[in-house]
Amino acid sequence: MQSKEKLVMSYLCKVCNGKKTYLISPNDIASAISKKCVLSVSELDEVMSTLALENYIDFVVSDGKDGYFYCVSLKKKGQTFLQDSKQQKKTLGLLILRSLFLATISFVFGLILRAIFKS
């Protein structure tokens, strides 16, 4: 999943939390994400289609008098997206800490062996 898709998905998870279906305009999504990246409406359509193909959301495009809207509902995979991403960050952090710990132990062990066999 690319960064634009992650940003859109995290926004949708925050907005659609606890609701079956949520009606949202593409401009709302683009303005909410505008601080981190710039999305055009055509790019947003592609991102929404990709999220639907990856089984995160169901969406239908609905026409209104102010333009068109997305009727979005989160699938099971979409509902757990925020928790899964937090778990991935935690796992990555633990992996980095473990690697640093093992590198430190190896370094100290190497120094001890060098001191023993040098004399």
N, C-alpha and C. Protein backbone atom coordinates (compact mmCIF):
# COMPACT_ATOMS: atom_id res chain seq x y z
N MET A 1 0.84 -1.17 0.00
CA MET A 1 0.00 0.00 0.00
C MET A 1 0.89 1.24 0.00
N GLN A 2 0.61 2.17 -0.88
CA GLN A 2 1.40 3.38 -1.01
C GLN A 2 0.98 4.41 0.04
N SER A 3 1.78 5.47 0.15
CA SER A 3 1.54 6.45 1.21
C SER A 3 0.22 7.20 1.02
N LYS A 4 -0.14 7.52 -0.23
CA LYS A 4 -1.42 8.22 -0.45
C LYS A 4 -2.59 7.33 -0.05
N GLU A 5 -2.48 6.06 -0.35
CA GLU A 5 -3.54 5.13 0.02
C GLU A 5 -3.63 4.99 1.54
N LYS A 6 -2.49 4.97 2.21
CA LYS A 6 -2.50 4.89 3.67
C LYS A 6 -3.13 6.13 4.29
N LEU A 7 -2.81 7.30 3.73
CA LEU A 7 -3.39 8.54 4.26
C LEU A 7 -4.91 8.56 4.07
N VAL A 8 -5.36 8.18 2.89
CA VAL A 8 -6.80 8.17 2.62
C VAL A 8 -7.48 7.14 3.52
N MET A 9 -6.87 5.97 3.65
CA MET A 9 -7.49 4.92 4.46
C MET A 9 -7.55 5.31 5.93
N SER A 10 -6.51 5.94 6.46
CA SER A 10 -6.56 6.35 7.86
C SER A 10 -7.60 7.45 8.07
N TYR A 11 -7.74 8.35 7.10
CA TYR A 11 -8.79 9.37 7.21
C TYR A 11 -10.17 8.73 7.19
N LEU A 12 -10.37 7.79 6.28
CA LEU A 12 -11.67 7.12 6.19
C LEU A 12 -11.98 6.33 7.46
N CYS A 13 -10.97 5.72 8.06
CA CYS A 13 -11.19 4.98 9.31
C CYS A 13 -11.62 5.91 10.43
N LYS A 14 -11.03 7.11 10.47
CA LYS A 14 -11.39 8.06 11.52
C LYS A 14 -12.80 8.61 11.30
N VAL A 15 -13.16 8.86 10.04
CA VAL A 15 -14.46 9.46 9.74
C VAL A 15 -15.58 8.43 9.82
N CYS A 16 -15.35 7.25 9.30
CA CYS A 16 -16.40 6.23 9.19
C CYS A 16 -16.47 5.33 10.41
N ASN A 17 -15.77 5.64 11.46
CA ASN A 17 -15.71 4.78 12.63
C ASN A 17 -17.10 4.57 13.23
N GLY A 18 -17.54 3.33 13.29
CA GLY A 18 -18.81 2.99 13.91
C GLY A 18 -20.04 3.20 13.06
N LYS A 19 -19.89 3.61 11.83
CA LYS A 19 -21.04 3.83 10.96
C LYS A 19 -21.05 2.79 9.86
N LYS A 20 -22.24 2.42 9.45
CA LYS A 20 -22.36 1.45 8.36
C LYS A 20 -21.90 2.07 7.05
N THR A 21 -22.50 3.18 6.67
CA THR A 21 -22.16 3.85 5.42
C THR A 21 -22.01 5.34 5.71
N TYR A 22 -21.02 5.94 5.07
CA TYR A 22 -20.76 7.36 5.29
C TYR A 22 -20.69 8.05 3.95
N LEU A 23 -21.34 9.19 3.84
CA LEU A 23 -21.36 9.99 2.62
C LEU A 23 -20.32 11.09 2.75
N ILE A 24 -19.35 11.10 1.83
CA ILE A 24 -18.25 12.07 1.92
C ILE A 24 -17.88 12.54 0.52
N SER A 25 -17.53 13.81 0.42
CA SER A 25 -17.15 14.35 -0.88
C SER A 25 -15.65 14.18 -1.10
N PRO A 26 -15.22 14.08 -2.35
CA PRO A 26 -13.79 13.98 -2.64
C PRO A 26 -13.02 15.21 -2.16
N ASN A 27 -13.66 16.36 -2.18
CA ASN A 27 -13.00 17.58 -1.72
C ASN A 27 -12.71 17.54 -0.22
N ASP A 28 -13.60 16.91 0.55
CA ASP A 28 -13.36 16.77 1.99
C ASP A 28 -12.12 15.91 2.25
N ILE A 29 -12.02 14.82 1.51
CA ILE A 29 -10.87 13.93 1.67
C ILE A 29 -9.58 14.65 1.27
N ALA A 30 -9.63 15.32 0.12
CA ALA A 30 -8.44 16.01 -0.39
C ALA A 30 -8.00 17.13 0.56
N SER A 31 -8.96 17.86 1.12
CA SER A 31 -8.59 18.95 2.03
C SER A 31 -8.06 18.42 3.35
N ALA A 32 -8.56 17.28 3.81
CA ALA A 32 -8.08 16.71 5.06
C ALA A 32 -6.65 16.18 4.92
N ILE A 33 -6.31 15.71 3.73
CA ILE A 33 -4.99 15.12 3.50
C ILE A 33 -4.00 16.16 2.97
N SER A 34 -4.48 17.34 2.63
CA SER A 34 -3.65 18.34 1.95
C SER A 34 -2.40 18.75 2.75
N LYS A 35 -2.40 18.57 4.06
CA LYS A 35 -1.23 18.94 4.86
C LYS A 35 -0.06 17.99 4.62
N LYS A 36 -0.36 16.75 4.26
CA LYS A 36 0.69 15.76 4.08
C LYS A 36 1.02 15.49 2.62
N CYS A 37 0.03 15.54 1.75
CA CYS A 37 0.29 15.36 0.31
C CYS A 37 -0.86 15.99 -0.48
N VAL A 38 -0.61 16.25 -1.74
CA VAL A 38 -1.61 16.88 -2.60
C VAL A 38 -2.23 15.80 -3.48
N LEU A 39 -3.55 15.74 -3.46
CA LEU A 39 -4.28 14.76 -4.25
C LEU A 39 -5.28 15.47 -5.16
N SER A 40 -5.25 15.15 -6.42
CA SER A 40 -6.28 15.66 -7.31
C SER A 40 -7.48 14.72 -7.23
N VAL A 41 -8.59 15.15 -7.80
CA VAL A 41 -9.80 14.34 -7.74
C VAL A 41 -9.62 13.06 -8.55
N SER A 42 -8.92 13.12 -9.67
CA SER A 42 -8.70 11.91 -10.47
C SER A 42 -7.79 10.92 -9.73
N GLU A 43 -6.77 11.44 -9.03
CA GLU A 43 -5.92 10.57 -8.23
C GLU A 43 -6.71 9.94 -7.10
N LEU A 44 -7.61 10.71 -6.52
CA LEU A 44 -8.42 10.21 -5.43
C LEU A 44 -9.35 9.09 -5.92
N ASP A 45 -9.88 9.23 -7.12
CA ASP A 45 -10.70 8.17 -7.70
C ASP A 45 -9.89 6.88 -7.85
N GLU A 46 -8.64 7.01 -8.29
CA GLU A 46 -7.78 5.83 -8.44
C GLU A 46 -7.47 5.21 -7.08
N VAL A 47 -7.21 6.04 -6.09
CA VAL A 47 -6.90 5.55 -4.74
C VAL A 47 -8.11 4.81 -4.17
N MET A 48 -9.28 5.39 -4.34
CA MET A 48 -10.50 4.73 -3.84
C MET A 48 -10.74 3.39 -4.54
N SER A 49 -10.50 3.34 -5.83
CA SER A 49 -10.66 2.09 -6.57
C SER A 49 -9.65 1.04 -6.10
N THR A 50 -8.43 1.48 -5.84
CA THR A 50 -7.40 0.56 -5.35
C THR A 50 -7.76 0.02 -3.97
N LEU A 51 -8.26 0.89 -3.10
CA LEU A 51 -8.67 0.45 -1.77
C LEU A 51 -9.82 -0.54 -1.84
N ALA A 52 -10.72 -0.33 -2.80
CA ALA A 52 -11.83 -1.26 -2.99
C ALA A 52 -11.32 -2.61 -3.51
N LEU A 53 -10.35 -2.57 -4.42
CA LEU A 53 -9.79 -3.81 -4.96
C LEU A 53 -9.00 -4.58 -3.90
N GLU A 54 -8.37 -3.86 -2.99
CA GLU A 54 -7.60 -4.50 -1.93
C GLU A 54 -8.48 -4.93 -0.76
N ASN A 55 -9.78 -4.77 -0.90
CA ASN A 55 -10.77 -5.28 0.06
C ASN A 55 -10.78 -4.50 1.38
N TYR A 56 -10.47 -3.21 1.32
CA TYR A 56 -10.56 -2.35 2.50
C TYR A 56 -11.92 -1.68 2.62
N ILE A 57 -12.47 -1.24 1.49
CA ILE A 57 -13.72 -0.49 1.51
C ILE A 57 -14.65 -0.95 0.39
N ASP A 58 -15.90 -0.61 0.55
CA ASP A 58 -16.89 -0.63 -0.52
C ASP A 58 -17.29 0.82 -0.73
N PHE A 59 -17.35 1.25 -1.97
CA PHE A 59 -17.81 2.61 -2.21
C PHE A 59 -18.60 2.68 -3.49
N VAL A 60 -19.52 3.62 -3.50
CA VAL A 60 -20.34 3.90 -4.66
C VAL A 60 -20.29 5.41 -4.88
N VAL A 61 -20.18 5.80 -6.13
CA VAL A 61 -20.17 7.23 -6.46
C VAL A 61 -21.62 7.67 -6.63
N SER A 62 -21.97 8.73 -5.92
CA SER A 62 -23.33 9.25 -5.93
C SER A 62 -23.32 10.71 -6.38
N ASP A 63 -24.18 11.04 -7.32
CA ASP A 63 -24.27 12.43 -7.79
C ASP A 63 -25.20 13.23 -6.90
N GLY A 64 -24.80 14.47 -6.65
CA GLY A 64 -25.62 15.39 -5.87
C GLY A 64 -25.63 16.75 -6.55
N LYS A 65 -26.36 17.69 -5.99
CA LYS A 65 -26.41 19.00 -6.62
C LYS A 65 -25.11 19.79 -6.43
N ASP A 66 -24.30 19.43 -5.42
CA ASP A 66 -23.03 20.09 -5.18
C ASP A 66 -21.85 19.33 -5.79
N GLY A 67 -22.10 18.37 -6.63
CA GLY A 67 -21.04 17.55 -7.21
C GLY A 67 -21.30 16.10 -6.90
N TYR A 68 -20.25 15.30 -6.93
CA TYR A 68 -20.47 13.90 -6.60
C TYR A 68 -19.85 13.57 -5.26
N PHE A 69 -20.36 12.52 -4.66
CA PHE A 69 -19.97 12.07 -3.33
C PHE A 69 -19.65 10.59 -3.38
N TYR A 70 -18.89 10.14 -2.38
CA TYR A 70 -18.65 8.72 -2.20
C TYR A 70 -19.52 8.22 -1.06
N CYS A 71 -20.21 7.12 -1.29
CA CYS A 71 -20.88 6.41 -0.21
C CYS A 71 -19.92 5.30 0.20
N VAL A 72 -19.26 5.47 1.34
CA VAL A 72 -18.18 4.57 1.75
C VAL A 72 -18.63 3.73 2.93
N SER A 73 -18.34 2.44 2.85
CA SER A 73 -18.49 1.57 4.01
C SER A 73 -17.21 0.75 4.15
N LEU A 74 -16.76 0.62 5.37
CA LEU A 74 -15.52 -0.11 5.65
C LEU A 74 -15.79 -1.60 5.70
N LYS A 75 -14.93 -2.36 5.07
CA LYS A 75 -15.00 -3.81 5.19
C LYS A 75 -14.23 -4.23 6.43
N LYS A 76 -14.22 -5.50 6.72
CA LYS A 76 -13.55 -6.02 7.92
C LYS A 76 -12.08 -5.62 7.95
N LYS A 77 -11.41 -5.75 6.81
CA LYS A 77 -9.99 -5.39 6.72
C LYS A 77 -9.80 -3.88 6.92
N GLY A 78 -10.75 -3.09 6.48
CA GLY A 78 -10.67 -1.65 6.64
C GLY A 78 -10.93 -1.21 8.07
N GLN A 79 -11.78 -1.94 8.77
CA GLN A 79 -12.10 -1.59 10.16
C GLN A 79 -10.90 -1.82 11.08
N THR A 80 -10.06 -2.77 10.73
CA THR A 80 -8.89 -3.07 11.57
C THR A 80 -7.62 -2.41 11.05
N PHE A 81 -7.74 -1.52 10.07
CA PHE A 81 -6.56 -0.91 9.44
C PHE A 81 -5.70 -0.14 10.43
N LEU A 82 -6.30 0.70 11.26
CA LEU A 82 -5.53 1.50 12.21
C LEU A 82 -4.81 0.63 13.23
N GLN A 83 -5.50 -0.40 13.73
CA GLN A 83 -4.87 -1.30 14.69
C GLN A 83 -3.74 -2.09 14.05
N ASP A 84 -3.95 -2.52 12.80
CA ASP A 84 -2.91 -3.28 12.10
C ASP A 84 -1.68 -2.42 11.84
N SER A 85 -1.89 -1.16 11.47
CA SER A 85 -0.74 -0.29 11.21
C SER A 85 0.01 0.03 12.51
N LYS A 86 -0.70 0.19 13.62
CA LYS A 86 -0.03 0.39 14.91
C LYS A 86 0.78 -0.85 15.28
N GLN A 87 0.22 -2.01 15.03
CA GLN A 87 0.92 -3.26 15.35
C GLN A 87 2.16 -3.42 14.49
N GLN A 88 2.09 -3.03 13.22
CA GLN A 88 3.24 -3.11 12.34
C GLN A 88 4.35 -2.17 12.81
N LYS A 89 3.99 -0.96 13.23
CA LYS A 89 4.98 -0.01 13.74
C LYS A 89 5.63 -0.55 15.01
N LYS A 90 4.83 -1.16 15.88
CA LYS A 90 5.35 -1.71 17.13
C LYS A 90 6.30 -2.87 16.82
N THR A 91 5.93 -3.73 15.89
CA THR A 91 6.77 -4.86 15.51
C THR A 91 8.08 -4.38 14.91
N LEU A 92 8.02 -3.37 14.06
CA LEU A 92 9.24 -2.81 13.46
C LEU A 92 10.15 -2.21 14.53
N GLY A 93 9.57 -1.49 15.47
CA GLY A 93 10.36 -0.91 16.56
C GLY A 93 11.04 -1.98 17.40
N LEU A 94 10.32 -3.04 17.71
CA LEU A 94 10.91 -4.13 18.49
C LEU A 94 12.01 -4.84 17.70
N LEU A 95 11.83 -4.97 16.41
CA LEU A 95 12.85 -5.59 15.56
C LEU A 95 14.12 -4.75 15.54
N ILE A 96 13.97 -3.45 15.45
CA ILE A 96 15.13 -2.55 15.47
C ILE A 96 15.84 -2.61 16.82
N LEU A 97 15.06 -2.58 17.91
CA LEU A 97 15.66 -2.67 19.25
C LEU A 97 16.40 -3.99 19.45
N ARG A 98 15.81 -5.07 18.99
CA ARG A 98 16.46 -6.38 19.11
C ARG A 98 17.76 -6.41 18.32
N SER A 99 17.74 -5.85 17.12
CA SER A 99 18.95 -5.81 16.30
C SER A 99 20.05 -5.00 16.97
N LEU A 100 19.68 -3.84 17.53
CA LEU A 100 20.66 -3.03 18.24
C LEU A 100 21.23 -3.76 19.46
N PHE A 101 20.38 -4.44 20.17
CA PHE A 101 20.81 -5.20 21.34
C PHE A 101 21.79 -6.30 20.94
N LEU A 102 21.45 -7.05 19.90
CA LEU A 102 22.32 -8.13 19.44
C LEU A 102 23.65 -7.59 18.89
N ALA A 103 23.62 -6.44 18.22
CA ALA A 103 24.85 -5.84 17.72
C ALA A 103 25.74 -5.41 18.88
N THR A 104 25.14 -4.86 19.92
CA THR A 104 25.91 -4.44 21.10
C THR A 104 26.53 -5.65 21.80
N ILE A 105 25.76 -6.70 21.96
CA ILE A 105 26.26 -7.93 22.58
C ILE A 105 27.41 -8.51 21.76
N SER A 106 27.27 -8.53 20.45
CA SER A 106 28.33 -9.04 19.58
C SER A 106 29.60 -8.22 19.70
N PHE A 107 29.43 -6.91 19.76
CA PHE A 107 30.60 -6.03 19.89
C PHE A 107 31.33 -6.28 21.20
N VAL A 108 30.58 -6.35 22.30
CA VAL A 108 31.19 -6.59 23.62
C VAL A 108 31.85 -7.96 23.65
N PHE A 109 31.19 -8.96 23.11
CA PHE A 109 31.75 -10.31 23.07
C PHE A 109 33.04 -10.34 22.24
N GLY A 110 33.06 -9.60 21.14
CA GLY A 110 34.26 -9.50 20.31
C GLY A 110 35.40 -8.84 21.06
N LEU A 111 35.10 -7.79 21.82
CA LEU A 111 36.14 -7.14 22.63
C LEU A 111 36.70 -8.08 23.68
N ILE A 112 35.83 -8.86 24.30
CA ILE A 112 36.28 -9.81 25.32
C ILE A 112 37.18 -10.88 24.70
N LEU A 113 36.77 -11.41 23.56
CA LEU A 113 37.58 -12.44 22.89
C LEU A 113 38.91 -11.88 22.43
N ARG A 114 38.93 -10.65 21.94
CA ARG A 114 40.17 -10.02 21.52
C ARG A 114 41.11 -9.85 22.72
N ALA A 115 40.56 -9.46 23.86
CA ALA A 115 41.37 -9.28 25.06
C ALA A 115 41.94 -10.62 25.54
N ILE A 116 41.16 -11.67 25.44
CA ILE A 116 41.61 -13.00 25.89
C ILE A 116 42.72 -13.52 24.98
N PHE A 117 42.51 -13.46 23.67
CA PHE A 117 43.46 -14.09 22.74
C PHE A 117 44.62 -13.18 22.36
N LYS A 118 44.59 -11.93 22.74
CA LYS A 118 45.69 -11.03 22.43
C LYS A 118 46.90 -11.31 23.28
N SER A 119 46.66 -11.71 24.52
CA SER A 119 47.79 -11.95 25.41
C SER A 119 48.34 -13.35 25.32
